[in-house]
Every structure is written in C-alpha cells, then in structure tokens.
Protein backbone atom coordinates (compact mmCIF):
# COMPACT_ATOMS: atom_id res chain seq x y z
CA MET A 1 14.91 -22.44 10.81
CA CYS A 2 13.08 -19.84 9.71
CA ARG A 3 11.33 -19.59 5.98
CA SER A 4 10.02 -16.46 4.93
CA ARG A 5 10.06 -13.56 2.40
CA TRP A 6 10.98 -10.85 5.00
CA PRO A 7 14.56 -10.32 5.70
CA TRP A 8 13.78 -10.60 10.05
CA CYS A 9 13.40 -13.75 11.45
CA SER A 10 15.42 -15.64 14.12
CA GLY A 11 17.79 -18.91 13.29
CA PRO A 12 20.99 -20.09 12.96
CA PRO A 13 23.95 -17.91 11.98
CA ALA A 14 23.86 -15.71 8.91
CA GLN A 15 22.92 -17.21 5.07
CA ALA A 16 20.77 -17.34 2.86
CA THR A 17 19.35 -19.65 0.11
CA ARG A 18 17.04 -18.86 -2.93
CA THR A 19 14.60 -21.08 -4.94
CA ASP A 20 12.26 -19.86 -7.18
CA GLU A 21 9.46 -19.95 -5.09
CA ASP A 22 10.81 -18.56 -1.64
CA VAL A 23 14.00 -17.03 0.38
CA THR A 24 15.14 -18.08 3.20
CA MET A 25 17.04 -15.83 5.56
CA LEU A 26 19.22 -16.68 8.47
CA HIS A 27 20.34 -14.53 10.75
CA ARG A 28 20.74 -13.97 14.89
CA THR A 29 21.17 -9.86 15.03
CA PRO A 30 19.26 -6.62 13.68
CA LEU A 31 19.67 -5.43 10.47
CA ALA A 32 20.32 -2.20 9.65
CA ILE A 33 20.49 -0.44 6.60
CA VAL A 34 23.31 3.03 6.81
CA LEU A 35 23.31 5.37 3.52
CA GLY A 36 20.91 3.04 1.69
CA THR A 37 23.25 -0.01 1.88
CA LEU A 38 21.13 -3.07 3.84
CA LEU A 39 24.11 -4.41 6.22
CA LEU A 40 23.54 -7.62 6.70
CA THR A 41 24.48 -7.94 10.59
CA GLY A 42 21.59 -10.75 11.00
CA CYS A 43 18.29 -10.49 12.82
CA THR A 44 15.80 -11.41 15.41
CA GLN A 45 12.14 -11.67 15.86
CA SER A 46 12.20 -8.39 16.64
CA GLU A 47 13.43 -5.51 14.27
CA ALA A 48 15.14 -4.23 11.34
CA ALA A 49 15.92 -1.04 11.07
CA PHE A 50 17.68 1.46 8.29
CA SER A 51 18.59 5.05 7.97
CA ALA A 52 18.06 6.36 4.63
CA GLY A 53 16.25 9.66 4.61
CA ALA A 54 12.89 8.21 3.98
CA THR A 55 10.09 10.27 4.29
CA ALA A 56 7.34 8.13 3.48
CA ILE A 57 6.83 4.70 3.20
CA ALA A 58 4.45 2.49 0.70
CA ALA A 59 4.53 -1.11 0.98
CA ASP A 60 2.43 -4.92 -0.32
CA TYR A 61 3.30 -8.37 0.81
CA ARG A 62 6.25 -8.92 -1.70
CA HIS A 63 7.83 -5.66 -1.80
CA ALA A 64 8.24 -2.08 -0.44
CA CYS A 65 9.33 1.30 -1.32
CA ILE A 66 10.32 4.40 0.46
CA VAL A 67 10.80 8.07 -0.75
CA ARG A 68 13.51 9.83 0.43
CA ASP A 69 14.12 13.21 1.21
CA ASN A 70 15.54 14.20 -1.76
CA ARG A 71 12.87 12.77 -3.54
CA THR A 72 13.92 9.79 -4.79
CA VAL A 73 12.55 6.22 -4.68
CA ALA A 74 14.15 3.13 -3.14
CA CYS A 75 12.49 -0.09 -3.31
CA TRP A 76 13.56 -3.67 -1.83
CA GLY A 77 12.07 -7.01 -1.38
CA ASP A 78 11.12 -9.60 -4.23
CA ASN A 79 12.00 -8.10 -8.18
CA ARG A 80 11.03 -11.39 -9.96
CA THR A 81 8.15 -8.56 -12.28
CA ALA A 82 11.27 -5.41 -12.05
CA GLN A 83 8.67 -4.30 -9.46
CA LEU A 84 12.04 -2.39 -7.91
CA GLY A 85 12.72 -0.35 -10.68
CA ASP A 86 16.26 -1.10 -10.93
CA GLY A 87 16.26 -2.01 -14.55
CA THR A 88 17.07 -5.65 -13.31
CA THR A 89 15.15 -8.78 -12.17
CA ASP A 90 17.16 -9.74 -9.34
CA ASP A 91 15.67 -10.04 -5.93
CA SER A 92 17.14 -7.71 -3.27
CA PHE A 93 16.42 -8.53 0.44
CA ASP A 94 19.67 -7.29 1.13
CA ASP A 95 19.71 -3.68 -0.03
CA LEU A 96 18.16 -0.71 -0.81
CA ARG A 97 17.67 -0.28 -5.40
CA THR A 98 17.13 3.39 -6.28
CA VAL A 99 14.88 3.21 -8.90
CA THR A 100 16.04 4.97 -11.99
CA ASP A 101 14.83 7.42 -13.60
CA ILE A 102 12.73 8.85 -11.56
CA TYR A 103 13.06 12.41 -9.53
CA ASP A 104 10.73 15.02 -7.78
CA VAL A 105 8.48 12.06 -6.90
CA ARG A 106 5.28 13.09 -4.15
CA GLU A 107 3.53 10.65 -3.76
CA LEU A 108 4.20 6.32 -4.23
CA THR A 109 2.14 3.36 -4.35
CA VAL A 110 2.91 -0.20 -4.30
CA GLY A 111 0.69 -2.74 -5.75
CA GLU A 112 0.66 -6.70 -6.16
CA ASP A 113 4.62 -6.80 -8.05
CA PHE A 114 4.02 -3.37 -9.67
CA SER A 115 4.85 0.05 -8.23
CA CYS A 116 3.67 3.79 -9.33
CA ALA A 117 5.07 7.49 -7.98
CA VAL A 118 3.63 11.01 -9.10
CA ALA A 119 7.05 12.43 -9.84
CA GLN A 120 8.56 14.75 -11.72
CA ARG A 121 6.04 17.21 -13.54
CA ALA A 122 3.11 15.71 -11.57
CA GLU A 123 3.19 12.90 -13.83
CA VAL A 124 2.56 9.47 -13.17
CA ARG A 125 4.69 6.34 -13.64
CA CYS A 126 4.59 3.06 -12.81
CA TRP A 127 6.95 0.34 -13.31
CA GLY A 128 6.80 -4.13 -12.55
CA LEU A 129 4.12 -6.25 -13.88
CA ASN A 130 2.16 -5.36 -16.24
CA LEU A 131 0.15 -8.06 -18.01
CA LEU A 132 -3.31 -6.49 -17.16
CA GLY A 133 -2.32 -2.68 -18.25
CA GLN A 134 -1.73 -1.92 -14.98
CA VAL A 135 1.23 0.18 -15.64
CA GLY A 136 -1.27 2.42 -18.02
CA ASN A 137 1.43 2.25 -20.43
CA GLY A 138 -0.90 1.23 -23.34
CA GLN A 139 1.20 -2.32 -23.49
CA ILE A 140 0.30 -5.77 -22.21
CA LEU A 141 4.06 -6.66 -21.08
CA ALA A 142 6.27 -6.44 -17.63
CA ILE A 143 8.49 -3.57 -17.55
CA ALA A 144 11.69 -2.86 -15.89
CA GLY A 145 11.89 0.63 -15.25
CA PRO A 146 9.78 3.78 -14.98
CA THR A 147 7.46 4.00 -17.83
CA THR A 148 6.86 7.11 -19.38
CA PRO A 149 4.74 9.30 -18.06
CA VAL A 150 0.83 7.70 -18.02
CA PRO A 151 -0.94 9.62 -20.99
CA GLU A 152 -3.71 11.56 -19.89
CA VAL A 153 -3.28 12.05 -16.50
CA THR A 154 -1.64 15.18 -15.40
CA GLY A 155 -1.60 17.02 -12.36
CA SER A 156 -2.19 14.34 -10.08
CA ILE A 157 -1.82 14.68 -6.30
CA GLY A 158 -2.88 11.05 -5.16
CA LEU A 159 -2.84 7.69 -6.29
CA ALA A 160 -3.55 4.15 -5.27
CA ALA A 161 -2.59 0.51 -6.73
CA GLY A 162 -5.11 -2.59 -6.27
CA ARG A 163 -3.65 -6.18 -7.09
CA ASN A 164 -3.97 -5.65 -10.81
CA HIS A 165 -5.04 -2.07 -11.08
CA THR A 166 -4.02 1.64 -10.29
CA CYS A 167 -5.82 4.90 -10.08
CA ALA A 168 -5.07 8.57 -9.56
CA VAL A 169 -6.87 11.53 -8.52
CA ALA A 170 -6.13 14.80 -10.04
CA ALA A 171 -5.73 18.09 -8.38
CA ASP A 172 -9.41 18.80 -9.69
CA GLY A 173 -10.84 15.70 -7.94
CA ARG A 174 -11.46 13.58 -11.07
CA VAL A 175 -10.17 10.30 -10.83
CA ARG A 176 -8.77 7.86 -14.11
CA CYS A 177 -7.81 4.62 -13.43
CA TRP A 178 -6.30 1.78 -15.10
CA GLY A 179 -5.29 -1.90 -15.45
CA ALA A 180 -7.80 -4.80 -14.88
CA ASN A 181 -11.57 -3.91 -14.51
CA ASP A 182 -12.82 -7.56 -14.11
CA SER A 183 -15.06 -6.28 -11.03
CA GLY A 184 -15.52 -2.83 -12.08
CA GLN A 185 -12.95 -1.89 -10.12
CA LEU A 186 -11.62 0.99 -12.99
CA GLY A 187 -15.07 2.94 -11.91
CA ASP A 188 -16.18 3.52 -15.62
CA GLY A 189 -19.39 1.62 -15.86
CA SER A 190 -17.67 -1.11 -17.70
CA ARG A 191 -15.83 -4.73 -16.83
CA ALA A 192 -13.28 -4.05 -19.71
CA ASP A 193 -9.66 -4.11 -18.78
CA ARG A 194 -7.79 -1.13 -19.70
CA VAL A 195 -4.31 -0.16 -20.60
CA SER A 196 -4.89 3.54 -20.42
CA PRO A 197 -6.47 5.24 -18.13
CA VAL A 198 -10.01 5.83 -18.29
CA GLU A 199 -12.09 8.71 -16.15
CA VAL A 200 -14.38 6.96 -13.28
CA VAL A 201 -17.79 8.23 -13.37
CA ASP A 202 -19.46 10.59 -11.45
CA ILE A 203 -16.80 12.09 -9.25
CA ASP A 204 -15.52 15.65 -9.32
CA ASN A 205 -14.35 16.25 -5.60
CA ALA A 206 -12.21 13.22 -4.41
CA VAL A 207 -9.25 13.96 -2.19
CA SER A 208 -7.32 10.68 -1.91
CA LEU A 209 -7.96 7.13 -2.89
CA SER A 210 -7.09 3.61 -2.13
CA ALA A 211 -7.40 0.20 -3.27
CA GLY A 212 -7.46 -3.31 -2.79
CA ALA A 213 -8.05 -6.95 -4.86
CA GLY A 214 -10.64 -5.83 -7.34
CA PHE A 215 -11.88 -2.76 -5.91
CA THR A 216 -11.28 0.75 -5.07
CA CYS A 217 -12.44 3.86 -2.62
CA ALA A 218 -12.41 7.79 -2.48
CA LEU A 219 -12.34 9.96 0.16
CA LEU A 220 -14.39 13.01 -0.71
CA GLU A 221 -14.07 16.78 0.04
CA ASP A 222 -17.55 16.32 1.92
CA GLY A 223 -15.75 13.82 4.14
CA GLU A 224 -17.96 11.15 2.35
CA VAL A 225 -15.53 7.98 1.17
CA THR A 226 -17.79 6.18 -2.27
CA CYS A 227 -16.02 2.67 -3.88
CA TRP A 228 -16.35 0.81 -6.39
CA GLY A 229 -15.62 -2.61 -7.82
CA LEU A 230 -15.35 -6.30 -5.88
CA ASN A 231 -18.09 -6.72 -3.27
CA SER A 232 -18.21 -10.37 -2.71
CA VAL A 233 -17.58 -9.91 1.41
CA GLY A 234 -18.68 -6.32 1.56
CA GLN A 235 -15.70 -4.60 1.01
CA LEU A 236 -17.43 -1.50 -0.58
CA GLY A 237 -18.90 -0.72 2.50
CA VAL A 238 -22.72 0.01 0.88
CA GLY A 239 -24.91 -2.66 3.50
CA ASP A 240 -25.08 -5.43 0.36
CA ARG A 241 -22.46 -7.66 -1.44
CA GLU A 242 -22.92 -6.91 -5.05
CA ASP A 243 -20.12 -5.39 -7.17
CA ARG A 244 -20.63 -2.27 -8.94
CA SER A 245 -18.64 -0.81 -12.07
CA GLU A 246 -19.38 2.92 -11.07
CA PRO A 247 -18.98 4.72 -7.44
CA SER A 248 -21.23 4.34 -5.12
CA THR A 249 -21.47 6.24 -0.97
CA VAL A 250 -20.74 4.29 1.87
CA SER A 251 -23.23 3.60 4.63
CA ASP A 252 -23.22 5.65 7.48
CA LEU A 253 -20.11 7.24 7.28
CA ASP A 254 -18.87 10.97 7.22
CA ARG A 255 -16.21 13.66 8.22
CA VAL A 256 -13.73 10.60 7.32
CA VAL A 257 -10.20 12.31 6.86
CA ALA A 258 -8.18 8.93 5.73
CA ILE A 259 -8.62 5.77 4.42
CA ASP A 260 -6.62 2.55 3.25
CA SER A 261 -7.39 -0.81 1.60
CA GLN A 262 -5.84 -3.67 1.29
CA LEU A 263 -7.20 -7.37 -0.55
CA ALA A 264 -10.95 -7.31 0.42
CA SER A 265 -11.08 -4.48 3.67
CA THR A 266 -10.84 -0.89 4.25
CA CYS A 267 -10.34 1.21 7.08
CA ALA A 268 -11.25 5.02 7.81
CA VAL A 269 -10.28 7.63 10.24
CA ARG A 270 -13.01 10.26 10.93
CA ASN A 271 -11.91 13.82 12.32
CA ASP A 272 -12.87 12.92 15.67
CA GLY A 273 -9.97 10.10 15.81
CA SER A 274 -12.13 7.03 15.60
CA VAL A 275 -11.78 4.13 12.89
CA TRP A 276 -14.27 2.40 11.02
CA CYS A 277 -13.44 -0.73 8.67
CA TRP A 278 -15.71 -2.65 6.96
CA GLY A 279 -15.41 -5.67 4.56
CA SER A 280 -12.97 -8.84 5.24
CA ASP A 281 -9.26 -9.68 5.92
CA TYR A 282 -9.73 -12.96 4.79
CA HIS A 283 -7.67 -14.58 8.47
CA SER A 284 -9.47 -13.75 11.47
CA GLY A 285 -12.18 -15.79 11.27
CA GLU A 286 -14.66 -13.37 11.64
CA PRO A 287 -17.52 -12.98 9.83
CA SER A 288 -17.53 -10.06 7.05
CA THR A 289 -19.40 -6.79 7.29
CA ALA A 290 -20.80 -4.86 4.73
CA VAL A 291 -21.25 -1.53 6.78
CA PRO A 292 -18.74 0.13 8.59
CA ARG A 293 -18.06 -1.14 11.73
CA ARG A 294 -16.01 1.15 14.79
CA VAL A 295 -12.92 -0.48 16.12
CA ASP A 296 -12.89 -1.23 19.60
CA GLY A 297 -10.16 0.15 21.77
CA ILE A 298 -8.67 2.84 19.20
CA SER A 299 -8.80 6.86 19.69
CA GLY A 300 -7.15 9.83 18.47
CA ALA A 301 -5.93 7.96 15.46
CA LYS A 302 -4.44 10.23 12.36
CA VAL A 303 -3.58 7.84 9.98
CA VAL A 304 -4.63 3.96 9.57
CA THR A 305 -2.79 1.22 7.46
CA VAL A 306 -4.41 -2.26 5.89
CA GLY A 307 -2.65 -5.19 5.78
CA GLU A 308 -2.91 -8.64 4.41
CA GLN A 309 -2.82 -9.96 8.17
CA ARG A 310 -3.78 -7.31 10.69
CA SER A 311 -4.72 -3.56 10.40
CA CYS A 312 -2.38 -0.34 12.45
CA GLY A 313 -2.91 2.99 13.08
CA LEU A 314 -1.41 5.81 14.32
CA THR A 315 -2.60 7.96 17.08
CA GLN A 316 -1.47 11.06 19.62
CA SER A 317 -0.27 8.58 22.01
CA GLY A 318 1.32 5.83 19.84
CA ILE A 319 0.49 3.01 17.40
CA LEU A 320 -2.23 0.39 17.56
CA CYS A 321 -3.18 -2.68 15.89
CA TRP A 322 -6.19 -4.90 14.97
CA ASN A 323 -7.58 -8.29 13.59
CA HIS A 324 -10.80 -7.97 11.60
CA GLY A 325 -13.33 -7.44 14.50
CA SER A 326 -10.84 -7.61 16.97
CA SER A 327 -9.79 -4.54 19.70
CA ALA A 328 -6.40 -2.53 18.91
CA VAL A 329 -3.67 -3.61 20.83
CA PRO A 330 -0.81 -1.47 21.12
CA ALA A 331 2.11 -2.07 18.32
CA PRO A 332 5.65 -3.15 19.78
CA THR A 333 7.03 -0.26 18.48
CA ASP A 334 8.63 3.40 19.69
CA SER A 335 5.97 5.31 17.83
CA THR A 336 6.90 8.91 19.86
CA ASP A 337 8.59 10.27 16.50
CA VAL A 338 6.89 8.55 13.50
CA VAL A 339 5.51 10.34 10.44
CA ASP A 340 4.17 7.34 8.27
CA LEU A 341 3.51 4.24 8.79
CA ALA A 342 2.90 0.92 5.99
CA LEU A 343 2.21 -2.77 6.39
CA PHE A 344 4.71 -5.26 4.41
CA GLY A 345 3.82 -8.48 5.03
CA PRO A 346 2.80 -9.27 8.18
CA SER A 347 5.93 -6.86 9.69
CA LEU A 348 4.92 -3.11 10.58
CA CYS A 349 7.33 -0.67 8.58
CA THR A 350 7.58 3.09 10.31
CA VAL A 351 9.53 6.32 9.23
CA SER A 352 10.49 8.73 12.03
CA ARG A 353 11.09 11.99 12.08
CA ALA A 354 14.86 11.14 11.13
CA GLY A 355 14.22 9.50 8.21
CA GLU A 356 15.20 6.01 9.75
CA VAL A 357 12.41 3.21 8.61
CA THR A 358 12.06 0.42 11.54
CA CYS A 359 10.03 -2.99 10.62
CA ARG A 360 8.79 -4.98 13.06
CA PRO A 361 7.33 -8.62 12.79
CA PRO A 362 3.75 -9.19 14.74
CA GLY A 363 4.61 -9.78 18.67
C-alpha cells in the first residue's frame, strides 16, 4: 500500500480514499492525461504523464500548475484553500482544473497553498490561501478564483512565491512584494505583514526572482544575486546567519543566469554552466552553508529547480539531481526534449517540446 498526496505510487488494484489529512491513491499502471483529463489507468512508482499543450510548469509540494500553449492555466493536487483556481475547494488528483477568468498568461508561480500569474495586460493575479495577504488584494481571507489585479503592480515580467509571500519584478527592474513579513522577506526595511504591495528598497535592476520560506532572492542585470529575509541557516548566502529586512548581495557569486529557491535553500546557475547552492534543505543531514557552494558532478546547466527534498538541473546532456551537499547524479527521465522542469513534492516533473508533462518520483 502507498499513502501519498502524489497520484503515482505502487499498490493493489486502483482505488482511492480521502481523509482531511491525506489522500490514498492505489494503482498499478501508468497514469495519463489526454486533452486535459487525467485518465486513471493506474500508476507505478515509475511515472505519470499527460499531454495538455503545456509550455511551462510551477509546483510546490501540495499542488502544481501548468501554462498551456493557449496561455491559460490548469492546476491539479490539493485544493483545500482554493489554490487550483477553479472556484471550488475540491481536491483534484484525477484531472486538470482550468483556472477561471485568466488568460494571456506569461509567468506563473506556486506558493504554499496559493498560486499567482502574470496574465492579461501584464497584471498579477493570485488565488488561494490569503491569511497573511499573500494574494495581494488588500484583504485577509481565502479566495476561490484569480483576484482582481494586484494593485500598483504593472508591467510585470517575473514572479516568485514563498511560503506565505509573493514578489513581482517589473520591466523597469523594480520589485514589489506582499504577504507575510515576519523575517523581513518583503524587503521594505520592516517586519510588518502587508496585504498590498510594497517596494523592495535599493533594487532597480532585477531581472528575475526566487523565494523560499521567509526569504526572497533577486537576480540582477549585472549577474549578481541579492537576498533578504530569514537567514537562520544561511539561506541569504551572505556568510552569516542574521536575518535582513533589506537586500544584501550574495557572497562571491557573479555571472549568474538563473536562480531558484525552496524552503531554506537557493541554487544558482552561472554562465559557465556550473551550479552553486547555499542554505539547507532540512532533509539530507548535511550541515547548512551560509555562502554559495559548487555542486559537484554537474556542468553545462541551463535551468535549476529546487525542491523540498532535492534539487535538479537541466543540462546540455540531460537532467541531474542532488541532495544538499551531495554530488549530482542523472535523473531517471528522458530529457532530450525538455523545455521546463519543477519538483512537485518528491517527484520531478518535466515539460517536453510537444507539451507533454511527465512526473517521476525519485529512483
């Protein structure tokens, strides 16, 4: 028997039961989604796959979303706080749910029990859990569908969602954040939660963002990285473990082209294809590092994704994964035509050039 939130696990003939705390999915053969409907043909520990015209994917450990080639969004997984955006609070491990009232999506991010997208007119719209203001609509409540546009956030080119906060970067390089701010993760110099956006101080040249539990990082035009917020295990990469409510430059790291964060760690890809990580993943038993450390065994990296239990990088020759402090090893997946990837709980999900999404657990 397999007890998991993820709809791919080995066990007896297909059946499913649900409690408030977990979902049990028991299948034998692979899952497949065709034209947006997840066909429960069963599951093994090997993979789940579906074809839905996907172009990008974002995931946390309880739900995941894709951008389709028609620039709409579809999500699946846990939905107890309406994070799937279909107007219900019904979980969906069996089919994709189309997010309502959202189109022309350019960017997508998934936080803990909420989701956000840069959509029509380059506006940011969020949905799901909002007990700390993380959807940015000026209120405190859980909502079911995409909000009206987040106020004072226009021309957005990128997004990042942490555990309970969200940040957006505009075309002019300025960053605005909203939601929880107990560790200074909004970067405005305070520790006051915000239900509406505030501007991060001293940044006017950001090109992309990443966020974890209580901290945020920005990749700057000059290839440097700056981070702010919680720093208990070195997740800011500045050489100490003191929280900061304003941005600080990551130590000894330049020529960065991509970043990603999750929980208490961040990884960066440099323009030479090397990968550097800092912080802690809480799972490996390895000591945390407060400065960037190069990941052994990986070169030619283009994209990196950081998960709850491991991290993975897309390279010129395939996908490699590693735990914090360990060397990278090849992932058990066909990566010859992968265009995007994300870690959905323990499983690595990839998007192919043909729009197919495949998710495989560790193995």
